Amino acid sequence: MENTLVDIERVSKVLKLLGDKTRLTIIGILKQRECCVCELFEVFDMSQPSISQHLRKLKDAGLVKEERRGQWIYYSLHTQSDTYGLMEDILNHIPDQSEKIQIILQNNPTARCGC
C-alpha cells in the first residue's frame, strides 16, 4: 500500500488512541477478523459498555468501521482511512492476536447473543 502523508494533528490523535493497550489489542484482533462487541467481551476483563466506548473512539477517529447486520453491529478495520498505513505499520510491531481469536472461537459468544 502506498504511504500517504497525514496531518500531524491526525497522526498525534491516532498515536494517542493506539497508546491504550485495550484499543491497540482491539485493532490487532480486527486486523485478523471482524468482530461484534460480544466477541470482544470474551477476551477483555471489562464490561460491554466499556468495550463499546473503546470502539466508538476508534470509529470516531476513522480507524474502524461498523456494519449493521440486523440488530448487531460488526466492526472491522477501516482500510480506506488516510491513517490505515500508519496503523498497519504499528500493527507490524505487536504480536498477532491469534490466542485471543482462539478464545472467541472456542467460546462462540455469537451463539449466546444471537449475532
PDB file of N, CA and C in Angstrom:
ATOM      1  N   MET A   1       0.849  -1.182   0.000  1.00  0.00           N
ATOM      2  CA  MET A   1       0.000   0.000   0.000  1.00  0.00           C
ATOM      3  C   MET A   1       0.895   1.245   0.000  1.00  0.00           C
ATOM      4  N   GLU A   2       0.484   2.237  -0.731  1.00  0.00           N
ATOM      5  CA  GLU A   2       1.234   3.479  -0.834  1.00  0.00           C
ATOM      6  C   GLU A   2       1.137   4.278   0.463  1.00  0.00           C
ATOM      7  N   ASN A   3       2.279   4.782   0.927  1.00  0.00           N
ATOM      8  CA  ASN A   3       2.266   5.613   2.127  1.00  0.00           C
ATOM      9  C   ASN A   3       1.687   6.981   1.785  1.00  0.00           C
ATOM     10  N   THR A   4       0.838   7.471   2.651  1.00  0.00           N
ATOM     11  CA  THR A   4       0.201   8.758   2.460  1.00  0.00           C
ATOM     12  C   THR A   4       0.624   9.667   3.602  1.00  0.00           C
ATOM     13  N   LEU A   5       0.939  10.917   3.269  1.00  0.00           N
ATOM     14  CA  LEU A   5       1.247  11.875   4.321  1.00  0.00           C
ATOM     15  C   LEU A   5      -0.050  12.303   4.986  1.00  0.00           C
ATOM     16  N   VAL A   6      -0.019  12.346   6.310  1.00  0.00           N
ATOM     17  CA  VAL A   6      -1.200  12.693   7.087  1.00  0.00           C
ATOM     18  C   VAL A   6      -0.852  13.874   7.976  1.00  0.00           C
ATOM     19  N   ASP A   7      -1.797  14.743   8.170  1.00  0.00           N
ATOM     20  CA  ASP A   7      -1.629  15.905   9.042  1.00  0.00           C
ATOM     21  C   ASP A   7      -1.090  15.476  10.406  1.00  0.00           C
ATOM     22  N   ILE A   8      -0.155  16.227  10.953  1.00  0.00           N
ATOM     23  CA  ILE A   8       0.500  15.861  12.213  1.00  0.00           C
ATOM     24  C   ILE A   8      -0.499  15.769  13.368  1.00  0.00           C
ATOM     25  N   GLU A   9      -1.528  16.610  13.360  1.00  0.00           N
ATOM     26  CA  GLU A   9      -2.554  16.537  14.407  1.00  0.00           C
ATOM     27  C   GLU A   9      -3.293  15.197  14.341  1.00  0.00           C
ATOM     28  N   ARG A  10      -3.564  14.759  13.142  1.00  0.00           N
ATOM     29  CA  ARG A  10      -4.275  13.484  12.936  1.00  0.00           C
ATOM     30  C   ARG A  10      -3.399  12.313  13.388  1.00  0.00           C
ATOM     31  N   VAL A  11      -2.124  12.357  13.027  1.00  0.00           N
ATOM     32  CA  VAL A  11      -1.194  11.302  13.452  1.00  0.00           C
ATOM     33  C   VAL A  11      -1.097  11.275  14.971  1.00  0.00           C
ATOM     34  N   SER A  12      -1.015  12.442  15.586  1.00  0.00           N
ATOM     35  CA  SER A  12      -0.940  12.530  17.039  1.00  0.00           C
ATOM     36  C   SER A  12      -2.167  11.901  17.692  1.00  0.00           C
ATOM     37  N   LYS A  13      -3.341  12.176  17.144  1.00  0.00           N
ATOM     38  CA  LYS A  13      -4.592  11.619  17.687  1.00  0.00           C
ATOM     39  C   LYS A  13      -4.586  10.092  17.569  1.00  0.00           C
ATOM     40  N   VAL A  14      -4.168   9.576  16.422  1.00  0.00           N
ATOM     41  CA  VAL A  14      -4.117   8.123  16.212  1.00  0.00           C
ATOM     42  C   VAL A  14      -3.142   7.483  17.196  1.00  0.00           C
ATOM     43  N   LEU A  15      -1.976   8.080  17.359  1.00  0.00           N
ATOM     44  CA  LEU A  15      -0.978   7.514  18.271  1.00  0.00           C
ATOM     45  C   LEU A  15      -1.488   7.529  19.716  1.00  0.00           C
ATOM     46  N   LYS A  16      -2.199   8.581  20.101  1.00  0.00           N
ATOM     47  CA  LYS A  16      -2.783   8.622  21.444  1.00  0.00           C
ATOM     48  C   LYS A  16      -3.813   7.516  21.623  1.00  0.00           C
ATOM     49  N   LEU A  17      -4.667   7.336  20.634  1.00  0.00           N
ATOM     50  CA  LEU A  17      -5.686   6.280  20.715  1.00  0.00           C
ATOM     51  C   LEU A  17      -5.052   4.900  20.809  1.00  0.00           C
ATOM     52  N   LEU A  18      -4.046   4.664  19.995  1.00  0.00           N
ATOM     53  CA  LEU A  18      -3.408   3.350  19.968  1.00  0.00           C
ATOM     54  C   LEU A  18      -2.389   3.183  21.090  1.00  0.00           C
ATOM     55  N   GLY A  19      -2.158   4.238  21.860  1.00  0.00           N
ATOM     56  CA  GLY A  19      -1.313   4.139  23.042  1.00  0.00           C
ATOM     57  C   GLY A  19      -2.013   3.426  24.190  1.00  0.00           C
ATOM     58  N   ASP A  20      -3.303   3.208  24.039  1.00  0.00           N
ATOM     59  CA  ASP A  20      -4.078   2.466  25.033  1.00  0.00           C
ATOM     60  C   ASP A  20      -4.010   0.977  24.678  1.00  0.00           C
ATOM     61  N   LYS A  21      -3.611   0.152  25.655  1.00  0.00           N
ATOM     62  CA  LYS A  21      -3.411  -1.280  25.407  1.00  0.00           C
ATOM     63  C   LYS A  21      -4.677  -1.972  24.914  1.00  0.00           C
ATOM     64  N   THR A  22      -5.817  -1.614  25.469  1.00  0.00           N
ATOM     65  CA  THR A  22      -7.076  -2.242  25.048  1.00  0.00           C
ATOM     66  C   THR A  22      -7.385  -1.911  23.595  1.00  0.00           C
ATOM     67  N   ARG A  23      -7.290  -0.631  23.240  1.00  0.00           N
ATOM     68  CA  ARG A  23      -7.598  -0.246  21.859  1.00  0.00           C
ATOM     69  C   ARG A  23      -6.590  -0.841  20.881  1.00  0.00           C
ATOM     70  N   LEU A  24      -5.332  -0.896  21.262  1.00  0.00           N
ATOM     71  CA  LEU A  24      -4.323  -1.500  20.394  1.00  0.00           C
ATOM     72  C   LEU A  24      -4.607  -2.986  20.196  1.00  0.00           C
ATOM     73  N   THR A  25      -5.028  -3.661  21.252  1.00  0.00           N
ATOM     74  CA  THR A  25      -5.377  -5.080  21.147  1.00  0.00           C
ATOM     75  C   THR A  25      -6.608  -5.265  20.269  1.00  0.00           C
ATOM     76  N   ILE A  26      -7.600  -4.410  20.431  1.00  0.00           N
ATOM     77  CA  ILE A  26      -8.799  -4.485  19.582  1.00  0.00           C
ATOM     78  C   ILE A  26      -8.407  -4.356  18.115  1.00  0.00           C
ATOM     79  N   ILE A  27      -7.560  -3.381  17.817  1.00  0.00           N
ATOM     80  CA  ILE A  27      -7.107  -3.182  16.434  1.00  0.00           C
ATOM     81  C   ILE A  27      -6.370  -4.427  15.938  1.00  0.00           C
ATOM     82  N   GLY A  28      -5.539  -5.007  16.811  1.00  0.00           N
ATOM     83  CA  GLY A  28      -4.820  -6.232  16.444  1.00  0.00           C
ATOM     84  C   GLY A  28      -5.764  -7.374  16.118  1.00  0.00           C
ATOM     85  N   ILE A  29      -6.832  -7.502  16.890  1.00  0.00           N
ATOM     86  CA  ILE A  29      -7.831  -8.545  16.628  1.00  0.00           C
ATOM     87  C   ILE A  29      -8.543  -8.251  15.309  1.00  0.00           C
ATOM     88  N   LEU A  30      -8.933  -6.996  15.118  1.00  0.00           N
ATOM     89  CA  LEU A  30      -9.662  -6.626  13.906  1.00  0.00           C
ATOM     90  C   LEU A  30      -8.795  -6.729  12.656  1.00  0.00           C
ATOM     91  N   LYS A  31      -7.499  -6.724  12.830  1.00  0.00           N
ATOM     92  CA  LYS A  31      -6.608  -6.943  11.674  1.00  0.00           C
ATOM     93  C   LYS A  31      -6.824  -8.354  11.128  1.00  0.00           C
ATOM     94  N   GLN A  32      -7.169  -9.283  12.012  1.00  0.00           N
ATOM     95  CA  GLN A  32      -7.310 -10.678  11.618  1.00  0.00           C
ATOM     96  C   GLN A  32      -8.745 -11.075  11.289  1.00  0.00           C
ATOM     97  N   ARG A  33      -9.727 -10.381  11.917  1.00  0.00           N
ATOM     98  CA  ARG A  33     -11.123 -10.717  11.622  1.00  0.00           C
ATOM     99  C   ARG A  33     -12.041  -9.636  12.154  1.00  0.00           C
ATOM    100  N   GLU A  34     -13.206  -9.513  11.549  1.00  0.00           N
ATOM    101  CA  GLU A  34     -14.207  -8.585  12.077  1.00  0.00           C
ATOM    102  C   GLU A  34     -14.837  -9.203  13.318  1.00  0.00           C
ATOM    103  N   CYS A  35     -15.352  -8.350  14.197  1.00  0.00           N
ATOM    104  CA  CYS A  35     -15.947  -8.828  15.451  1.00  0.00           C
ATOM    105  C   CYS A  35     -17.121  -7.954  15.842  1.00  0.00           C
ATOM    106  N   CYS A  36     -18.020  -8.532  16.625  1.00  0.00           N
ATOM    107  CA  CYS A  36     -19.057  -7.746  17.284  1.00  0.00           C
ATOM    108  C   CYS A  36     -18.608  -7.557  18.739  1.00  0.00           C
ATOM    109  N   VAL A  37     -19.281  -6.692  19.449  1.00  0.00           N
ATOM    110  CA  VAL A  37     -18.896  -6.382  20.828  1.00  0.00           C
ATOM    111  C   VAL A  37     -18.904  -7.636  21.699  1.00  0.00           C
ATOM    112  N   CYS A  38     -19.899  -8.509  21.515  1.00  0.00           N
ATOM    113  CA  CYS A  38     -19.976  -9.694  22.378  1.00  0.00           C
ATOM    114  C   CYS A  38     -18.771 -10.616  22.185  1.00  0.00           C
ATOM    115  N   GLU A  39     -18.171 -10.605  20.987  1.00  0.00           N
ATOM    116  CA  GLU A  39     -16.971 -11.411  20.764  1.00  0.00           C
ATOM    117  C   GLU A  39     -15.768 -10.792  21.480  1.00  0.00           C
ATOM    118  N   LEU A  40     -15.651  -9.481  21.403  1.00  0.00           N
ATOM    119  CA  LEU A  40     -14.538  -8.805  22.081  1.00  0.00           C
ATOM    120  C   LEU A  40     -14.680  -8.914  23.598  1.00  0.00           C
ATOM    121  N   PHE A  41     -15.909  -8.952  24.079  1.00  0.00           N
ATOM    122  CA  PHE A  41     -16.180  -9.094  25.507  1.00  0.00           C
ATOM    123  C   PHE A  41     -15.541 -10.374  26.061  1.00  0.00           C
ATOM    124  N   GLU A  42     -15.397 -11.388  25.234  1.00  0.00           N
ATOM    125  CA  GLU A  42     -14.816 -12.669  25.648  1.00  0.00           C
ATOM    126  C   GLU A  42     -13.344 -12.561  26.047  1.00  0.00           C
ATOM    127  N   VAL A  43     -12.632 -11.591  25.500  1.00  0.00           N
ATOM    128  CA  VAL A  43     -11.179 -11.544  25.710  1.00  0.00           C
ATOM    129  C   VAL A  43     -10.707 -10.379  26.578  1.00  0.00           C
ATOM    130  N   PHE A  44     -11.622  -9.526  27.005  1.00  0.00           N
ATOM    131  CA  PHE A  44     -11.243  -8.400  27.854  1.00  0.00           C
ATOM    132  C   PHE A  44     -11.955  -8.503  29.190  1.00  0.00           C
ATOM    133  N   ASP A  45     -11.262  -8.134  30.241  1.00  0.00           N
ATOM    134  CA  ASP A  45     -11.833  -8.150  31.583  1.00  0.00           C
ATOM    135  C   ASP A  45     -12.479  -6.793  31.855  1.00  0.00           C
ATOM    136  N   MET A  46     -13.552  -6.512  31.113  1.00  0.00           N
ATOM    137  CA  MET A  46     -14.266  -5.248  31.270  1.00  0.00           C
ATOM    138  C   MET A  46     -15.696  -5.413  30.767  1.00  0.00           C
ATOM    139  N   SER A  47     -16.520  -4.454  31.055  1.00  0.00           N
ATOM    140  CA  SER A  47     -17.934  -4.525  30.678  1.00  0.00           C
ATOM    141  C   SER A  47     -18.119  -4.280  29.179  1.00  0.00           C
ATOM    142  N   GLN A  48     -19.252  -4.724  28.671  1.00  0.00           N
ATOM    143  CA  GLN A  48     -19.564  -4.470  27.268  1.00  0.00           C
ATOM    144  C   GLN A  48     -19.660  -2.972  26.982  1.00  0.00           C
ATOM    145  N   PRO A  49     -20.247  -2.158  27.873  1.00  0.00           N
ATOM    146  CA  PRO A  49     -20.255  -0.717  27.598  1.00  0.00           C
ATOM    147  C   PRO A  49     -18.845  -0.122  27.492  1.00  0.00           C
ATOM    148  N   SER A  50     -17.904  -0.626  28.286  1.00  0.00           N
ATOM    149  CA  SER A  50     -16.524  -0.138  28.196  1.00  0.00           C
ATOM    150  C   SER A  50     -15.910  -0.491  26.848  1.00  0.00           C
ATOM    151  N   ILE A  51     -16.141  -1.719  26.397  1.00  0.00           N
ATOM    152  CA  ILE A  51     -15.628  -2.124  25.079  1.00  0.00           C
ATOM    153  C   ILE A  51     -16.270  -1.270  23.988  1.00  0.00           C
ATOM    154  N   SER A  52     -17.567  -1.052  24.106  1.00  0.00           N
ATOM    155  CA  SER A  52     -18.271  -0.215  23.128  1.00  0.00           C
ATOM    156  C   SER A  52     -17.698   1.195  23.094  1.00  0.00           C
ATOM    157  N   GLN A  53     -17.329   1.717  24.252  1.00  0.00           N
ATOM    158  CA  GLN A  53     -16.727   3.060  24.327  1.00  0.00           C
ATOM    159  C   GLN A  53     -15.394   3.102  23.581  1.00  0.00           C
ATOM    160  N   HIS A  54     -14.568   2.073  23.765  1.00  0.00           N
ATOM    161  CA  HIS A  54     -13.290   1.987  23.035  1.00  0.00           C
ATOM    162  C   HIS A  54     -13.543   1.926  21.533  1.00  0.00           C
ATOM    163  N   LEU A  55     -14.507   1.121  21.126  1.00  0.00           N
ATOM    164  CA  LEU A  55     -14.839   1.004  19.700  1.00  0.00           C
ATOM    165  C   LEU A  55     -15.356   2.320  19.141  1.00  0.00           C
ATOM    166  N   ARG A  56     -16.155   3.035  19.929  1.00  0.00           N
ATOM    167  CA  ARG A  56     -16.674   4.333  19.478  1.00  0.00           C
ATOM    168  C   ARG A  56     -15.534   5.311  19.219  1.00  0.00           C
ATOM    169  N   LYS A  57     -14.547   5.328  20.123  1.00  0.00           N
ATOM    170  CA  LYS A  57     -13.399   6.220  19.940  1.00  0.00           C
ATOM    171  C   LYS A  57     -12.627   5.859  18.681  1.00  0.00           C
ATOM    172  N   LEU A  58     -12.433   4.565  18.455  1.00  0.00           N
ATOM    173  CA  LEU A  58     -11.722   4.120  17.249  1.00  0.00           C
ATOM    174  C   LEU A  58     -12.519   4.457  15.991  1.00  0.00           C
ATOM    175  N   LYS A  59     -13.827   4.316  16.077  1.00  0.00           N
ATOM    176  CA  LYS A  59     -14.684   4.634  14.927  1.00  0.00           C
ATOM    177  C   LYS A  59     -14.686   6.138  14.665  1.00  0.00           C
ATOM    178  N   ASP A  60     -14.824   6.928  15.718  1.00  0.00           N
ATOM    179  CA  ASP A  60     -14.837   8.383  15.560  1.00  0.00           C
ATOM    180  C   ASP A  60     -13.544   8.893  14.930  1.00  0.00           C
ATOM    181  N   ALA A  61     -12.438   8.202  15.188  1.00  0.00           N
ATOM    182  CA  ALA A  61     -11.152   8.588  14.611  1.00  0.00           C
ATOM    183  C   ALA A  61     -10.970   8.033  13.201  1.00  0.00           C
ATOM    184  N   GLY A  62     -11.927   7.239  12.738  1.00  0.00           N
ATOM    185  CA  GLY A  62     -11.842   6.686  11.387  1.00  0.00           C
ATOM    186  C   GLY A  62     -10.967   5.456  11.266  1.00  0.00           C
ATOM    187  N   LEU A  63     -10.606   4.844  12.408  1.00  0.00           N
ATOM    188  CA  LEU A  63      -9.727   3.673  12.359  1.00  0.00           C
ATOM    189  C   LEU A  63     -10.500   2.379  12.136  1.00  0.00           C
ATOM    190  N   VAL A  64     -11.732   2.343  12.607  1.00  0.00           N
ATOM    191  CA  VAL A  64     -12.574   1.166  12.380  1.00  0.00           C
ATOM    192  C   VAL A  64     -13.884   1.632  11.747  1.00  0.00           C
ATOM    193  N   LYS A  65     -14.528   0.698  11.098  1.00  0.00           N
ATOM    194  CA  LYS A  65     -15.852   0.971  10.542  1.00  0.00           C
ATOM    195  C   LYS A  65     -16.799  -0.072  11.090  1.00  0.00           C
ATOM    196  N   GLU A  66     -18.073   0.241  11.000  1.00  0.00           N
ATOM    197  CA  GLU A  66     -19.065  -0.688  11.506  1.00  0.00           C
ATOM    198  C   GLU A  66     -20.053  -1.029  10.406  1.00  0.00           C
ATOM    199  N   GLU A  67     -20.579  -2.243  10.518  1.00  0.00           N
ATOM    200  CA  GLU A  67     -21.601  -2.691   9.570  1.00  0.00           C
ATOM    201  C   GLU A  67     -22.731  -3.311  10.370  1.00  0.00           C
ATOM    202  N   ARG A  68     -23.906  -2.760  10.191  1.00  0.00           N
ATOM    203  CA  ARG A  68     -25.076  -3.270  10.911  1.00  0.00           C
ATOM    204  C   ARG A  68     -25.626  -4.480  10.159  1.00  0.00           C
ATOM    205  N   ARG A  69     -25.860  -5.548  10.932  1.00  0.00           N
ATOM    206  CA  ARG A  69     -26.497  -6.760  10.397  1.00  0.00           C
ATOM    207  C   ARG A  69     -27.647  -7.094  11.334  1.00  0.00           C
ATOM    208  N   GLY A  70     -28.837  -6.718  10.928  1.00  0.00           N
ATOM    209  CA  GLY A  70     -29.983  -6.861  11.821  1.00  0.00           C
ATOM    210  C   GLY A  70     -29.796  -5.920  12.995  1.00  0.00           C
ATOM    211  N   GLN A  71     -29.883  -6.453  14.211  1.00  0.00           N
ATOM    212  CA  GLN A  71     -29.706  -5.607  15.399  1.00  0.00           C
ATOM    213  C   GLN A  71     -28.259  -5.569  15.876  1.00  0.00           C
ATOM    214  N   TRP A  72     -27.370  -6.284  15.211  1.00  0.00           N
ATOM    215  CA  TRP A  72     -25.981  -6.383  15.646  1.00  0.00           C
ATOM    216  C   TRP A  72     -25.076  -5.539  14.774  1.00  0.00           C
ATOM    217  N   ILE A  73     -23.986  -5.064  15.377  1.00  0.00           N
ATOM    218  CA  ILE A  73     -23.006  -4.262  14.654  1.00  0.00           C
ATOM    219  C   ILE A  73     -21.673  -4.997  14.680  1.00  0.00           C
ATOM    220  N   TYR A  74     -21.094  -5.160  13.499  1.00  0.00           N
ATOM    221  CA  TYR A  74     -19.783  -5.789  13.368  1.00  0.00           C
ATOM    222  C   TYR A  74     -18.755  -4.718  13.037  1.00  0.00           C
ATOM    223  N   TYR A  75     -17.597  -4.836  13.657  1.00  0.00           N
ATOM    224  CA  TYR A  75     -16.521  -3.865  13.489  1.00  0.00           C
ATOM    225  C   TYR A  75     -15.377  -4.486  12.703  1.00  0.00           C
ATOM    226  N   SER A  76     -14.749  -3.656  11.874  1.00  0.00           N
ATOM    227  CA  SER A  76     -13.580  -4.083  11.108  1.00  0.00           C
ATOM    228  C   SER A  76     -12.671  -2.871  10.912  1.00  0.00           C
ATOM    229  N   LEU A  77     -11.434  -3.125  10.499  1.00  0.00           N
ATOM    230  CA  LEU A  77     -10.518  -2.018  10.239  1.00  0.00           C
ATOM    231  C   LEU A  77     -11.011  -1.222   9.041  1.00  0.00           C
ATOM    232  N   HIS A  78     -10.849   0.069   9.119  1.00  0.00           N
ATOM    233  CA  HIS A  78     -11.219   0.940   8.006  1.00  0.00           C
ATOM    234  C   HIS A  78     -10.006   1.074   7.087  1.00  0.00           C
ATOM    235  N   THR A  79      -9.911   0.166   6.137  1.00  0.00           N
ATOM    236  CA  THR A  79      -8.719   0.092   5.286  1.00  0.00           C
ATOM    237  C   THR A  79      -8.608   1.260   4.312  1.00  0.00           C
ATOM    238  N   GLN A  80      -9.680   2.031   4.137  1.00  0.00           N
ATOM    239  CA  GLN A  80      -9.636   3.192   3.243  1.00  0.00           C
ATOM    240  C   GLN A  80      -9.301   4.487   3.987  1.00  0.00           C
ATOM    241  N   SER A  81      -9.081   4.380   5.288  1.00  0.00           N
ATOM    242  CA  SER A  81      -8.750   5.553   6.097  1.00  0.00           C
ATOM    243  C   SER A  81      -7.390   6.121   5.687  1.00  0.00           C
ATOM    244  N   ASP A  82      -7.244   7.426   5.808  1.00  0.00           N
ATOM    245  CA  ASP A  82      -5.958   8.053   5.485  1.00  0.00           C
ATOM    246  C   ASP A  82      -4.856   7.633   6.457  1.00  0.00           C
ATOM    247  N   THR A  83      -5.240   7.086   7.599  1.00  0.00           N
ATOM    248  CA  THR A  83      -4.241   6.653   8.588  1.00  0.00           C
ATOM    249  C   THR A  83      -4.049   5.138   8.607  1.00  0.00           C
ATOM    250  N   TYR A  84      -4.636   4.439   7.652  1.00  0.00           N
ATOM    251  CA  TYR A  84      -4.517   2.978   7.654  1.00  0.00           C
ATOM    252  C   TYR A  84      -3.056   2.536   7.531  1.00  0.00           C
ATOM    253  N   GLY A  85      -2.274   3.194   6.702  1.00  0.00           N
ATOM    254  CA  GLY A  85      -0.857   2.834   6.551  1.00  0.00           C
ATOM    255  C   GLY A  85      -0.100   2.953   7.867  1.00  0.00           C
ATOM    256  N   LEU A  86      -0.363   4.021   8.609  1.00  0.00           N
ATOM    257  CA  LEU A  86       0.253   4.214   9.922  1.00  0.00           C
ATOM    258  C   LEU A  86      -0.176   3.100  10.871  1.00  0.00           C
ATOM    259  N   MET A  87      -1.466   2.812  10.888  1.00  0.00           N
ATOM    260  CA  MET A  87      -1.988   1.766  11.756  1.00  0.00           C
ATOM    261  C   MET A  87      -1.371   0.410  11.384  1.00  0.00           C
ATOM    262  N   GLU A  88      -1.260   0.141  10.102  1.00  0.00           N
ATOM    263  CA  GLU A  88      -0.675  -1.111   9.633  1.00  0.00           C
ATOM    264  C   GLU A  88       0.788  -1.228  10.070  1.00  0.00           C
ATOM    265  N   ASP A  89       1.533  -0.120   9.975  1.00  0.00           N
ATOM    266  CA  ASP A  89       2.933  -0.109  10.425  1.00  0.00           C
ATOM    267  C   ASP A  89       3.027  -0.433  11.911  1.00  0.00           C
ATOM    268  N   ILE A  90       2.164   0.155  12.711  1.00  0.00           N
ATOM    269  CA  ILE A  90       2.166  -0.096  14.154  1.00  0.00           C
ATOM    270  C   ILE A  90       1.840  -1.559  14.435  1.00  0.00           C
ATOM    271  N   LEU A  91       0.848  -2.099  13.735  1.00  0.00           N
ATOM    272  CA  LEU A  91       0.440  -3.486  13.953  1.00  0.00           C
ATOM    273  C   LEU A  91       1.538  -4.484  13.594  1.00  0.00           C
ATOM    274  N   ASN A  92       2.449  -4.082  12.718  1.00  0.00           N
ATOM    275  CA  ASN A  92       3.578  -4.955  12.371  1.00  0.00           C
ATOM    276  C   ASN A  92       4.549  -5.127  13.533  1.00  0.00           C
ATOM    277  N   HIS A  93       4.413  -4.308  14.563  1.00  0.00           N
ATOM    278  CA  HIS A  93       5.330  -4.347  15.704  1.00  0.00           C
ATOM    279  C   HIS A  93       4.723  -4.953  16.961  1.00  0.00           C
ATOM    280  N   ILE A  94       3.517  -5.489  16.848  1.00  0.00           N
ATOM    281  CA  ILE A  94       2.907  -6.158  18.007  1.00  0.00           C
ATOM    282  C   ILE A  94       2.627  -7.617  17.636  1.00  0.00           C
ATOM    283  N   PRO A  95       2.551  -8.491  18.647  1.00  0.00           N
ATOM    284  CA  PRO A  95       2.243  -9.899  18.353  1.00  0.00           C
ATOM    285  C   PRO A  95       0.852 -10.029  17.736  1.00  0.00           C
ATOM    286  N   ASP A  96       0.688 -11.045  16.893  1.00  0.00           N
ATOM    287  CA  ASP A  96      -0.657 -11.255  16.365  1.00  0.00           C
ATOM    288  C   ASP A  96      -1.557 -11.715  17.510  1.00  0.00           C
ATOM    289  N   GLN A  97      -2.823 -11.598  17.294  1.00  0.00           N
ATOM    290  CA  GLN A  97      -3.793 -11.835  18.363  1.00  0.00           C
ATOM    291  C   GLN A  97      -4.511 -13.174  18.197  1.00  0.00           C
ATOM    292  N   SER A  98      -3.817 -14.150  17.627  1.00  0.00           N
ATOM    293  CA  SER A  98      -4.419 -15.464  17.368  1.00  0.00           C
ATOM    294  C   SER A  98      -4.944 -16.131  18.636  1.00  0.00           C
ATOM    295  N   GLU A  99      -4.233 -15.970  19.754  1.00  0.00           N
ATOM    296  CA  GLU A  99      -4.698 -16.579  21.011  1.00  0.00           C
ATOM    297  C   GLU A  99      -6.058 -16.023  21.423  1.00  0.00           C
ATOM    298  N   LYS A 100      -6.220 -14.726  21.288  1.00  0.00           N
ATOM    299  CA  LYS A 100      -7.492 -14.102  21.657  1.00  0.00           C
ATOM    300  C   LYS A 100      -8.593 -14.517  20.680  1.00  0.00           C
ATOM    301  N   ILE A 101      -8.252 -14.620  19.426  1.00  0.00           N
ATOM    302  CA  ILE A 101      -9.232 -15.068  18.439  1.00  0.00           C
ATOM    303  C   ILE A 101      -9.635 -16.511  18.717  1.00  0.00           C
ATOM    304  N   GLN A 102      -8.688 -17.324  19.146  1.00  0.00           N
ATOM    305  CA  GLN A 102      -8.992 -18.710  19.510  1.00  0.00           C
ATOM    306  C   GLN A 102      -9.992 -18.764  20.669  1.00  0.00           C
ATOM    307  N   ILE A 103      -9.825 -17.875  21.640  1.00  0.00           N
ATOM    308  CA  ILE A 103     -10.768 -17.796  22.768  1.00  0.00           C
ATOM    309  C   ILE A 103     -12.166 -17.452  22.253  1.00  0.00           C
ATOM    310  N   ILE A 104     -12.236 -16.493  21.346  1.00  0.00           N
ATOM    311  CA  ILE A 104     -13.528 -16.104  20.765  1.00  0.00           C
ATOM    312  C   ILE A 104     -14.165 -17.309  20.068  1.00  0.00           C
ATOM    313  N   LEU A 105     -13.384 -18.004  19.262  1.00  0.00           N
ATOM    314  CA  LEU A 105     -13.917 -19.139  18.514  1.00  0.00           C
ATOM    315  C   LEU A 105     -14.352 -20.277  19.436  1.00  0.00           C
ATOM    316  N   GLN A 106     -13.571 -20.538  20.472  1.00  0.00           N
ATOM    317  CA  GLN A 106     -13.909 -21.618  21.403  1.00  0.00           C
ATOM    318  C   GLN A 106     -15.171 -21.302  22.198  1.00  0.00           C
ATOM    319  N   ASN A 107     -15.302 -20.078  22.668  1.00  0.00           N
ATOM    320  CA  ASN A 107     -16.444 -19.695  23.497  1.00  0.00           C
ATOM    321  C   ASN A 107     -17.703 -19.427  22.682  1.00  0.00           C
ATOM    322  N   ASN A 108     -17.528 -19.147  21.403  1.00  0.00           N
ATOM    323  CA  ASN A 108     -18.627 -18.932  20.472  1.00  0.00           C
ATOM    324  C   ASN A 108     -19.730 -18.027  21.031  1.00  0.00           C
ATOM    325  N   PRO A 109     -19.392 -16.798  21.417  1.00  0.00           N
ATOM    326  CA  PRO A 109     -20.390 -15.927  22.045  1.00  0.00           C
ATOM    327  C   PRO A 109     -21.544 -15.556  21.128  1.00  0.00           C
ATOM    328  N   THR A 110     -21.336 -15.606  19.833  1.00  0.00           N
ATOM    329  CA  THR A 110     -22.413 -15.221  18.914  1.00  0.00           C
ATOM    330  C   THR A 110     -23.583 -16.207  19.016  1.00  0.00           C
ATOM    331  N   ALA A 111     -23.319 -17.437  19.421  1.00  0.00           N
ATOM    332  CA  ALA A 111     -24.410 -18.401  19.612  1.00  0.00           C
ATOM    333  C   ALA A 111     -25.292 -17.986  20.787  1.00  0.00           C
ATOM    334  N   ARG A 112     -24.672 -17.357  21.813  1.00  0.00           N
ATOM    335  CA  ARG A 112     -25.425 -16.934  23.002  1.00  0.00           C
ATOM    336  C   ARG A 112     -26.166 -15.626  22.782  1.00  0.00           C
ATOM    337  N   CYS A 113     -25.495 -14.693  22.108  1.00  0.00           N
ATOM    338  CA  CYS A 113     -26.106 -13.359  21.990  1.00  0.00           C
ATOM    339  C   CYS A 113     -26.940 -13.215  20.718  1.00  0.00           C
ATOM    340  N   GLY A 114     -26.809 -14.150  19.816  1.00  0.00           N
ATOM    341  CA  GLY A 114     -27.653 -14.128  18.622  1.00  0.00           C
ATOM    342  C   GLY A 114     -27.123 -13.291  17.474  1.00  0.00           C
ATOM    343  N   CYS A 115     -25.837 -12.971  17.503  1.00  0.00           N
ATOM    344  CA  CYS A 115     -25.245 -12.196  16.400  1.00  0.00           C
ATOM    345  C   CYS A 115     -25.269 -12.993  15.112  1.00  0.00           C
TER     346      CYS A 115
END
